[in-house]
Amino acid sequence: MKKNKIIFWVSTGLLSGMMLMSGGLYLSQNPSITDGLKTLGYPPYMLYILGVSKLLAAAALLQPMFPRLREWAYAGLTFTFLGAFISHAATSTPFIAPLVFTAVLAVSWVYNNRLQSAMA
């Protein structure tokens, strides 16, 4: 049980940290992020939608009181990462980062489920 908690919190902390940093870069209109979205063909307002969504997802993953909210964050991030992968693959831009994020998300989700089932 202790190993499961450690793996869950390390993967969730890493994922949340990546999303907090990413959301901050999106909302601050970092030039490299802005240029990347232009390359992918997305409009500038997507910076705000994705930035706020990533910050909210990070907060939802870190809170322990509402497991249903955490599940929605996992679902939203799954769609975000898969969409990012497809967008990058379709435009022949590097697509490894979305796959890495998806792998860390999967580890967090699996160990979240293990901890939830152990508590039931």
N, C-alpha and C. Protein backbone atom coordinates (compact mmCIF):
# COMPACT_ATOMS: atom_id res chain seq x y z
N MET A 1 0.83 -1.20 0.00
CA MET A 1 0.00 0.00 0.00
C MET A 1 0.87 1.25 0.00
N LYS A 2 1.96 1.22 0.78
CA LYS A 2 2.83 2.39 0.85
C LYS A 2 3.51 2.66 -0.50
N LYS A 3 3.93 1.57 -1.18
CA LYS A 3 4.55 1.72 -2.50
C LYS A 3 3.56 2.35 -3.48
N ASN A 4 2.30 1.91 -3.43
CA ASN A 4 1.27 2.46 -4.32
C ASN A 4 1.07 3.95 -4.07
N LYS A 5 1.06 4.35 -2.79
CA LYS A 5 0.89 5.77 -2.47
C LYS A 5 2.07 6.60 -2.98
N ILE A 6 3.27 6.06 -2.83
CA ILE A 6 4.45 6.80 -3.29
C ILE A 6 4.42 6.97 -4.80
N ILE A 7 4.14 5.88 -5.51
CA ILE A 7 4.09 5.95 -6.98
C ILE A 7 2.98 6.91 -7.42
N PHE A 8 1.82 6.82 -6.77
CA PHE A 8 0.71 7.72 -7.12
C PHE A 8 1.11 9.18 -6.92
N TRP A 9 1.63 9.52 -5.74
CA TRP A 9 1.92 10.92 -5.46
C TRP A 9 3.10 11.46 -6.26
N VAL A 10 4.07 10.63 -6.56
CA VAL A 10 5.19 11.08 -7.40
C VAL A 10 4.70 11.36 -8.82
N SER A 11 3.95 10.41 -9.39
CA SER A 11 3.46 10.61 -10.76
C SER A 11 2.45 11.75 -10.82
N THR A 12 1.57 11.85 -9.84
CA THR A 12 0.57 12.93 -9.83
C THR A 12 1.24 14.28 -9.60
N GLY A 13 2.21 14.33 -8.70
CA GLY A 13 2.94 15.58 -8.47
C GLY A 13 3.70 16.02 -9.71
N LEU A 14 4.34 15.07 -10.38
CA LEU A 14 5.06 15.38 -11.61
C LEU A 14 4.11 15.89 -12.69
N LEU A 15 3.01 15.19 -12.87
CA LEU A 15 2.02 15.59 -13.86
C LEU A 15 1.43 16.95 -13.53
N SER A 16 1.06 17.17 -12.28
CA SER A 16 0.48 18.46 -11.88
C SER A 16 1.49 19.59 -12.05
N GLY A 17 2.74 19.33 -11.70
CA GLY A 17 3.78 20.34 -11.90
C GLY A 17 3.95 20.70 -13.37
N MET A 18 3.92 19.68 -14.24
CA MET A 18 4.03 19.93 -15.68
C MET A 18 2.83 20.75 -16.16
N MET A 19 1.65 20.45 -15.66
CA MET A 19 0.45 21.18 -16.09
C MET A 19 0.43 22.60 -15.53
N LEU A 20 0.90 22.79 -14.30
CA LEU A 20 0.97 24.15 -13.75
C LEU A 20 1.94 25.01 -14.56
N MET A 21 3.09 24.43 -14.88
CA MET A 21 4.08 25.17 -15.66
C MET A 21 3.55 25.44 -17.08
N SER A 22 2.98 24.43 -17.69
CA SER A 22 2.43 24.58 -19.04
C SER A 22 1.29 25.60 -19.06
N GLY A 23 0.37 25.50 -18.11
CA GLY A 23 -0.74 26.44 -18.05
C GLY A 23 -0.26 27.87 -17.85
N GLY A 24 0.76 28.04 -17.02
CA GLY A 24 1.34 29.37 -16.82
C GLY A 24 1.95 29.92 -18.08
N LEU A 25 2.66 29.06 -18.81
CA LEU A 25 3.27 29.51 -20.08
C LEU A 25 2.20 29.88 -21.10
N TYR A 26 1.12 29.13 -21.14
CA TYR A 26 0.03 29.44 -22.07
C TYR A 26 -0.60 30.79 -21.71
N LEU A 27 -0.89 30.99 -20.43
CA LEU A 27 -1.57 32.22 -20.02
C LEU A 27 -0.67 33.45 -20.11
N SER A 28 0.63 33.25 -19.99
CA SER A 28 1.56 34.39 -20.11
C SER A 28 1.89 34.69 -21.56
N GLN A 29 1.31 33.93 -22.47
CA GLN A 29 1.53 34.08 -23.91
C GLN A 29 3.00 34.01 -24.26
N ASN A 30 3.65 32.99 -23.73
CA ASN A 30 5.06 32.74 -24.03
C ASN A 30 5.23 32.64 -25.54
N PRO A 31 6.21 33.36 -26.11
CA PRO A 31 6.36 33.38 -27.57
C PRO A 31 6.55 31.99 -28.19
N SER A 32 7.26 31.10 -27.53
CA SER A 32 7.46 29.77 -28.12
C SER A 32 6.14 28.98 -28.15
N ILE A 33 5.31 29.17 -27.13
CA ILE A 33 4.00 28.51 -27.11
C ILE A 33 3.09 29.11 -28.18
N THR A 34 3.09 30.43 -28.27
CA THR A 34 2.27 31.12 -29.27
C THR A 34 2.66 30.70 -30.68
N ASP A 35 3.96 30.65 -30.95
CA ASP A 35 4.44 30.23 -32.27
C ASP A 35 4.07 28.77 -32.55
N GLY A 36 4.16 27.94 -31.51
CA GLY A 36 3.81 26.53 -31.67
C GLY A 36 2.35 26.34 -32.03
N LEU A 37 1.48 27.10 -31.38
CA LEU A 37 0.05 26.99 -31.71
C LEU A 37 -0.24 27.48 -33.12
N LYS A 38 0.48 28.53 -33.55
CA LYS A 38 0.31 29.01 -34.93
C LYS A 38 0.73 27.94 -35.92
N THR A 39 1.84 27.25 -35.62
CA THR A 39 2.33 26.18 -36.49
C THR A 39 1.31 25.05 -36.60
N LEU A 40 0.64 24.77 -35.50
CA LEU A 40 -0.37 23.72 -35.50
C LEU A 40 -1.68 24.16 -36.14
N GLY A 41 -1.82 25.47 -36.37
CA GLY A 41 -3.02 25.99 -37.01
C GLY A 41 -4.14 26.37 -36.06
N TYR A 42 -3.82 26.54 -34.78
CA TYR A 42 -4.84 26.91 -33.80
C TYR A 42 -4.93 28.42 -33.65
N PRO A 43 -6.12 28.94 -33.35
CA PRO A 43 -6.28 30.39 -33.16
C PRO A 43 -5.68 30.81 -31.80
N PRO A 44 -5.34 32.09 -31.67
CA PRO A 44 -4.70 32.57 -30.43
C PRO A 44 -5.52 32.38 -29.16
N TYR A 45 -6.85 32.40 -29.26
CA TYR A 45 -7.66 32.27 -28.04
C TYR A 45 -7.53 30.88 -27.41
N MET A 46 -6.98 29.91 -28.13
CA MET A 46 -6.77 28.59 -27.56
C MET A 46 -5.75 28.63 -26.42
N LEU A 47 -4.88 29.65 -26.42
CA LEU A 47 -3.94 29.81 -25.31
C LEU A 47 -4.68 29.90 -23.98
N TYR A 48 -5.73 30.68 -23.95
CA TYR A 48 -6.48 30.89 -22.71
C TYR A 48 -7.28 29.65 -22.32
N ILE A 49 -7.92 29.01 -23.30
CA ILE A 49 -8.71 27.82 -23.02
C ILE A 49 -7.82 26.71 -22.46
N LEU A 50 -6.72 26.45 -23.14
CA LEU A 50 -5.82 25.39 -22.69
C LEU A 50 -5.11 25.76 -21.40
N GLY A 51 -4.71 27.01 -21.26
CA GLY A 51 -4.01 27.44 -20.05
C GLY A 51 -4.86 27.29 -18.81
N VAL A 52 -6.08 27.79 -18.86
CA VAL A 52 -6.99 27.68 -17.71
C VAL A 52 -7.33 26.21 -17.45
N SER A 53 -7.58 25.45 -18.50
CA SER A 53 -7.92 24.03 -18.34
C SER A 53 -6.80 23.25 -17.67
N LYS A 54 -5.57 23.53 -18.04
CA LYS A 54 -4.44 22.82 -17.44
C LYS A 54 -4.27 23.19 -15.97
N LEU A 55 -4.47 24.44 -15.64
CA LEU A 55 -4.36 24.85 -14.23
C LEU A 55 -5.46 24.21 -13.39
N LEU A 56 -6.68 24.19 -13.91
CA LEU A 56 -7.78 23.56 -13.18
C LEU A 56 -7.58 22.05 -13.04
N ALA A 57 -7.07 21.42 -14.08
CA ALA A 57 -6.81 19.98 -14.02
C ALA A 57 -5.74 19.66 -12.97
N ALA A 58 -4.69 20.48 -12.90
CA ALA A 58 -3.65 20.26 -11.90
C ALA A 58 -4.22 20.37 -10.50
N ALA A 59 -5.06 21.36 -10.27
CA ALA A 59 -5.68 21.52 -8.95
C ALA A 59 -6.60 20.34 -8.63
N ALA A 60 -7.34 19.87 -9.62
CA ALA A 60 -8.26 18.74 -9.41
C ALA A 60 -7.50 17.46 -9.10
N LEU A 61 -6.35 17.27 -9.72
CA LEU A 61 -5.56 16.06 -9.46
C LEU A 61 -4.97 16.06 -8.06
N LEU A 62 -4.63 17.22 -7.55
CA LEU A 62 -3.97 17.31 -6.26
C LEU A 62 -4.92 17.27 -5.07
N GLN A 63 -6.18 17.58 -5.29
CA GLN A 63 -7.13 17.61 -4.16
C GLN A 63 -7.59 16.19 -3.85
N PRO A 64 -7.68 15.84 -2.56
CA PRO A 64 -8.07 14.47 -2.20
C PRO A 64 -9.55 14.29 -1.87
N MET A 65 -10.33 15.35 -1.82
CA MET A 65 -11.69 15.26 -1.28
C MET A 65 -12.75 14.84 -2.30
N PHE A 66 -12.53 15.09 -3.57
CA PHE A 66 -13.55 14.84 -4.58
C PHE A 66 -13.01 13.90 -5.66
N PRO A 67 -13.13 12.59 -5.46
CA PRO A 67 -12.58 11.64 -6.44
C PRO A 67 -13.23 11.76 -7.82
N ARG A 68 -14.49 12.14 -7.87
CA ARG A 68 -15.15 12.29 -9.18
C ARG A 68 -14.54 13.44 -9.97
N LEU A 69 -14.19 14.51 -9.29
CA LEU A 69 -13.53 15.65 -9.94
C LEU A 69 -12.17 15.23 -10.49
N ARG A 70 -11.46 14.41 -9.74
CA ARG A 70 -10.16 13.91 -10.20
C ARG A 70 -10.34 13.07 -11.46
N GLU A 71 -11.38 12.24 -11.50
CA GLU A 71 -11.65 11.43 -12.69
C GLU A 71 -11.92 12.30 -13.92
N TRP A 72 -12.65 13.39 -13.71
CA TRP A 72 -12.91 14.31 -14.83
C TRP A 72 -11.61 14.96 -15.30
N ALA A 73 -10.72 15.26 -14.37
CA ALA A 73 -9.42 15.83 -14.76
C ALA A 73 -8.62 14.81 -15.57
N TYR A 74 -8.64 13.55 -15.15
CA TYR A 74 -7.95 12.52 -15.93
C TYR A 74 -8.52 12.43 -17.34
N ALA A 75 -9.84 12.47 -17.45
CA ALA A 75 -10.48 12.38 -18.76
C ALA A 75 -10.11 13.60 -19.62
N GLY A 76 -10.20 14.79 -19.05
CA GLY A 76 -9.88 16.00 -19.81
C GLY A 76 -8.43 16.02 -20.27
N LEU A 77 -7.52 15.61 -19.40
CA LEU A 77 -6.11 15.59 -19.80
C LEU A 77 -5.83 14.51 -20.84
N THR A 78 -6.56 13.40 -20.76
CA THR A 78 -6.40 12.37 -21.79
C THR A 78 -6.78 12.92 -23.16
N PHE A 79 -7.91 13.61 -23.24
CA PHE A 79 -8.33 14.21 -24.51
C PHE A 79 -7.32 15.28 -24.96
N THR A 80 -6.83 16.06 -24.03
CA THR A 80 -5.86 17.11 -24.36
C THR A 80 -4.59 16.50 -24.94
N PHE A 81 -4.05 15.48 -24.28
CA PHE A 81 -2.79 14.88 -24.73
C PHE A 81 -2.95 14.12 -26.04
N LEU A 82 -4.06 13.40 -26.18
CA LEU A 82 -4.29 12.70 -27.44
C LEU A 82 -4.50 13.69 -28.59
N GLY A 83 -5.22 14.76 -28.32
CA GLY A 83 -5.39 15.81 -29.34
C GLY A 83 -4.06 16.45 -29.71
N ALA A 84 -3.22 16.68 -28.71
CA ALA A 84 -1.90 17.26 -28.98
C ALA A 84 -1.06 16.30 -29.82
N PHE A 85 -1.10 15.02 -29.48
CA PHE A 85 -0.35 14.03 -30.26
C PHE A 85 -0.80 14.03 -31.71
N ILE A 86 -2.11 13.98 -31.92
CA ILE A 86 -2.65 13.95 -33.29
C ILE A 86 -2.30 15.23 -34.04
N SER A 87 -2.42 16.37 -33.37
CA SER A 87 -2.10 17.64 -34.02
C SER A 87 -0.64 17.70 -34.43
N HIS A 88 0.24 17.27 -33.55
CA HIS A 88 1.67 17.29 -33.87
C HIS A 88 2.01 16.28 -34.96
N ALA A 89 1.44 15.10 -34.88
CA ALA A 89 1.71 14.09 -35.91
C ALA A 89 1.21 14.54 -37.28
N ALA A 90 0.04 15.20 -37.30
CA ALA A 90 -0.54 15.64 -38.56
C ALA A 90 0.26 16.77 -39.21
N THR A 91 0.97 17.56 -38.39
CA THR A 91 1.73 18.68 -38.92
C THR A 91 3.23 18.38 -38.97
N SER A 92 3.59 17.13 -38.74
CA SER A 92 5.00 16.70 -38.76
C SER A 92 5.88 17.51 -37.82
N THR A 93 5.35 17.85 -36.66
CA THR A 93 6.13 18.51 -35.62
C THR A 93 6.40 17.47 -34.52
N PRO A 94 7.38 17.72 -33.65
CA PRO A 94 7.72 16.72 -32.63
C PRO A 94 6.51 16.36 -31.74
N PHE A 95 6.29 15.06 -31.60
CA PHE A 95 5.11 14.60 -30.87
C PHE A 95 5.45 13.73 -29.66
N ILE A 96 6.69 13.71 -29.24
CA ILE A 96 7.10 12.86 -28.12
C ILE A 96 6.53 13.38 -26.79
N ALA A 97 6.53 14.69 -26.57
CA ALA A 97 6.08 15.25 -25.29
C ALA A 97 4.65 14.83 -24.94
N PRO A 98 3.69 14.91 -25.86
CA PRO A 98 2.34 14.46 -25.50
C PRO A 98 2.29 12.97 -25.12
N LEU A 99 3.15 12.17 -25.73
CA LEU A 99 3.19 10.75 -25.38
C LEU A 99 3.77 10.54 -23.98
N VAL A 100 4.79 11.32 -23.63
CA VAL A 100 5.37 11.24 -22.29
C VAL A 100 4.33 11.67 -21.25
N PHE A 101 3.64 12.78 -21.52
CA PHE A 101 2.59 13.25 -20.61
C PHE A 101 1.50 12.19 -20.44
N THR A 102 1.14 11.53 -21.54
CA THR A 102 0.11 10.49 -21.48
C THR A 102 0.58 9.30 -20.63
N ALA A 103 1.84 8.94 -20.75
CA ALA A 103 2.38 7.83 -19.95
C ALA A 103 2.35 8.17 -18.46
N VAL A 104 2.77 9.39 -18.10
CA VAL A 104 2.74 9.80 -16.69
C VAL A 104 1.30 9.86 -16.20
N LEU A 105 0.40 10.35 -17.03
CA LEU A 105 -1.02 10.39 -16.69
C LEU A 105 -1.56 8.98 -16.44
N ALA A 106 -1.17 8.03 -17.27
CA ALA A 106 -1.64 6.65 -17.13
C ALA A 106 -1.14 6.05 -15.81
N VAL A 107 0.10 6.30 -15.46
CA VAL A 107 0.63 5.78 -14.19
C VAL A 107 -0.16 6.37 -13.02
N SER A 108 -0.38 7.67 -13.04
CA SER A 108 -1.14 8.32 -11.98
C SER A 108 -2.54 7.74 -11.89
N TRP A 109 -3.20 7.55 -13.02
CA TRP A 109 -4.56 7.02 -13.04
C TRP A 109 -4.63 5.60 -12.50
N VAL A 110 -3.69 4.74 -12.94
CA VAL A 110 -3.68 3.35 -12.48
C VAL A 110 -3.50 3.28 -10.97
N TYR A 111 -2.56 4.05 -10.44
CA TYR A 111 -2.30 3.99 -9.01
C TYR A 111 -3.39 4.71 -8.20
N ASN A 112 -4.04 5.68 -8.79
CA ASN A 112 -5.20 6.28 -8.13
C ASN A 112 -6.29 5.22 -7.97
N ASN A 113 -6.54 4.46 -9.02
CA ASN A 113 -7.56 3.41 -8.96
C ASN A 113 -7.18 2.32 -7.96
N ARG A 114 -5.91 1.97 -7.90
CA ARG A 114 -5.48 0.97 -6.93
C ARG A 114 -5.72 1.46 -5.49
N LEU A 115 -5.40 2.71 -5.26
CA LEU A 115 -5.62 3.26 -3.90
C LEU A 115 -7.10 3.37 -3.57
N GLN A 116 -7.90 3.77 -4.55
CA GLN A 116 -9.35 3.88 -4.31
C GLN A 116 -9.97 2.50 -4.03
N SER A 117 -9.55 1.49 -4.76
CA SER A 117 -10.12 0.16 -4.54
C SER A 117 -9.64 -0.44 -3.22
N ALA A 118 -8.45 -0.09 -2.79
CA ALA A 118 -7.95 -0.58 -1.50
C ALA A 118 -8.69 0.07 -0.34
N MET A 119 -9.20 1.27 -0.55
CA MET A 119 -9.93 1.98 0.51
C MET A 119 -11.38 1.53 0.59
N ALA A 120 -11.89 0.92 -0.48
CA ALA A 120 -13.31 0.51 -0.52
C ALA A 120 -13.56 -0.76 0.24
